[in-house]
Amino acid sequence: QLRLVESGGGVVESGGSLKISCVASGRGLSPYDLSWYRQALGKEREFVASIQSVTRYTRYADSVKGRFTMSRDNLKMTVDLQMNDLRPDDTAIYYCHARRDSSEYWGRGTQVTVSS
């Protein structure tokens, strides 16, 4: 079982920056493809960014490309999302996700609020 705990959320002004993190425990992180998703109030959960386990290839949603950067540290068991030039429509609960073959795990999320 892999446990994921997000942190670092908060309130930031439009145009500001914030880094959120996800700490894993229970198993080694290296075999897992990792992703960040977000869910705004009244909307469906949507993909934000991902980083593959072996190649470290990263992929971003068009809405965050050029503003967000995802990284992982398998030794520290952490995955980060650096968010710059934040906008009010980035307001959401951000979830950490890990997948390996048919197994997947979710964190409980961290709230990010961007004020205009």
Protein backbone atom coordinates (compact mmCIF):
# COMPACT_ATOMS: atom_id res chain seq x y z
CA GLN A 1 0.00 0.00 0.00
CA LEU A 2 1.32 3.43 -0.95
CA ARG A 3 0.19 6.38 1.17
CA LEU A 4 0.27 9.88 -0.29
CA VAL A 5 -0.02 13.08 1.73
CA GLU A 6 -0.14 16.49 0.09
CA SER A 7 0.92 19.75 1.72
CA GLY A 8 1.77 23.33 0.89
CA GLY A 9 -1.59 24.62 -0.21
CA GLY A 10 -2.84 28.03 0.81
CA VAL A 11 -4.09 31.40 -0.36
CA VAL A 12 -2.02 33.40 -2.85
CA GLU A 13 -2.70 36.50 -4.90
CA SER A 14 -3.13 36.37 -8.64
CA GLY A 15 0.28 36.33 -10.31
CA GLY A 16 1.92 34.78 -7.27
CA SER A 17 3.71 31.47 -6.80
CA LEU A 18 3.22 28.44 -4.62
CA LYS A 19 4.86 25.06 -4.32
CA ILE A 20 2.84 22.07 -3.22
CA SER A 21 4.35 18.75 -2.26
CA CYS A 22 3.35 15.15 -1.88
CA VAL A 23 5.13 12.77 0.47
CA ALA A 24 4.83 9.05 -0.08
CA SER A 25 5.22 6.25 2.44
CA GLY A 26 4.67 2.54 2.63
CA ARG A 27 6.49 1.56 -0.54
CA GLY A 28 9.26 2.75 -2.78
CA LEU A 29 8.19 5.55 -5.08
CA SER A 30 10.47 4.85 -8.02
CA PRO A 31 8.28 2.31 -9.91
CA TYR A 32 5.27 4.62 -9.99
CA ASP A 33 4.15 7.08 -12.61
CA LEU A 34 3.11 10.19 -10.69
CA SER A 35 0.56 12.84 -11.48
CA TRP A 36 -1.15 15.90 -10.08
CA TYR A 37 -4.87 16.41 -10.62
CA ARG A 38 -7.13 19.19 -9.42
CA GLN A 39 -10.81 19.66 -8.78
CA ALA A 40 -12.48 23.03 -8.57
CA LEU A 41 -15.76 23.49 -6.75
CA GLY A 42 -18.60 22.16 -8.87
CA LYS A 43 -16.31 20.78 -11.57
CA GLU A 44 -14.86 17.40 -12.43
CA ARG A 45 -11.36 16.40 -11.44
CA GLU A 46 -8.89 17.25 -14.20
CA PHE A 47 -5.34 16.31 -15.10
CA VAL A 48 -2.66 18.89 -14.32
CA ALA A 49 0.76 17.27 -14.79
CA SER A 50 2.55 13.93 -14.78
CA ILE A 51 6.06 12.53 -14.61
CA GLN A 52 6.95 9.01 -15.64
CA SER A 53 8.83 6.59 -13.43
CA VAL A 54 11.75 5.61 -15.67
CA THR A 55 12.13 8.26 -18.35
CA ARG A 56 11.12 11.17 -16.07
CA TYR A 57 9.17 12.46 -19.06
CA THR A 58 6.81 15.22 -17.94
CA ARG A 59 3.51 16.22 -19.45
CA TYR A 60 1.31 19.19 -18.65
CA ALA A 61 -2.24 20.28 -19.27
CA ASP A 62 -2.39 23.11 -21.79
CA SER A 63 -3.87 25.39 -19.12
CA VAL A 64 -0.73 25.18 -16.95
CA LYS A 65 2.01 24.66 -19.52
CA GLY A 66 4.82 27.15 -19.05
CA ARG A 67 3.62 28.10 -15.56
CA PHE A 68 3.78 24.84 -13.58
CA THR A 69 6.75 22.52 -13.12
CA MET A 70 6.52 19.01 -11.70
CA SER A 71 9.46 17.16 -10.20
CA ARG A 72 10.10 14.03 -8.17
CA ASP A 73 12.76 12.80 -5.76
CA ASN A 74 12.55 9.04 -5.36
CA LEU A 75 15.06 8.94 -2.51
CA LYS A 76 13.13 11.51 -0.49
CA MET A 77 9.83 9.95 -1.60
CA THR A 78 8.48 13.32 -2.66
CA VAL A 79 6.85 14.85 -5.68
CA ASP A 80 6.50 18.61 -6.05
CA LEU A 81 4.49 20.99 -8.16
CA GLN A 82 5.93 24.48 -8.52
CA MET A 83 3.17 26.83 -9.62
CA ASN A 84 4.01 30.28 -10.97
CA ASP A 85 1.88 33.09 -12.36
CA LEU A 86 -1.16 31.70 -10.60
CA ARG A 87 -4.60 32.71 -11.77
CA PRO A 88 -8.00 32.66 -10.04
CA ASP A 89 -9.06 29.73 -12.23
CA ASP A 90 -6.21 27.68 -10.73
CA THR A 91 -8.21 27.62 -7.50
CA ALA A 92 -8.93 23.99 -6.66
CA ILE A 93 -8.08 21.07 -4.45
CA TYR A 94 -4.89 19.52 -5.80
CA TYR A 95 -4.46 15.76 -5.56
CA CYS A 96 -1.36 13.61 -5.83
CA HIS A 97 -1.77 10.36 -7.79
CA ALA A 98 0.48 7.33 -8.25
CA ARG A 99 0.00 4.50 -10.71
CA ARG A 100 1.85 1.26 -11.37
CA ASP A 101 0.26 -1.36 -13.62
CA SER A 102 -3.27 -1.84 -12.26
CA SER A 103 -2.58 -0.25 -8.87
CA GLU A 104 -3.28 3.39 -8.24
CA TYR A 105 -3.33 5.60 -5.17
CA TRP A 106 -4.66 9.05 -4.33
CA GLY A 107 -3.86 11.54 -1.64
CA ARG A 108 -6.56 13.51 0.15
CA GLY A 109 -5.64 16.77 -1.51
CA THR A 110 -4.48 20.24 -0.59
CA GLN A 111 -6.49 23.40 -1.20
CA VAL A 112 -5.02 26.13 -3.38
CA THR A 113 -6.90 29.41 -3.54
CA VAL A 114 -5.87 32.24 -5.85
CA SER A 115 -7.42 35.61 -5.07
CA SER A 116 -8.01 38.17 -7.79
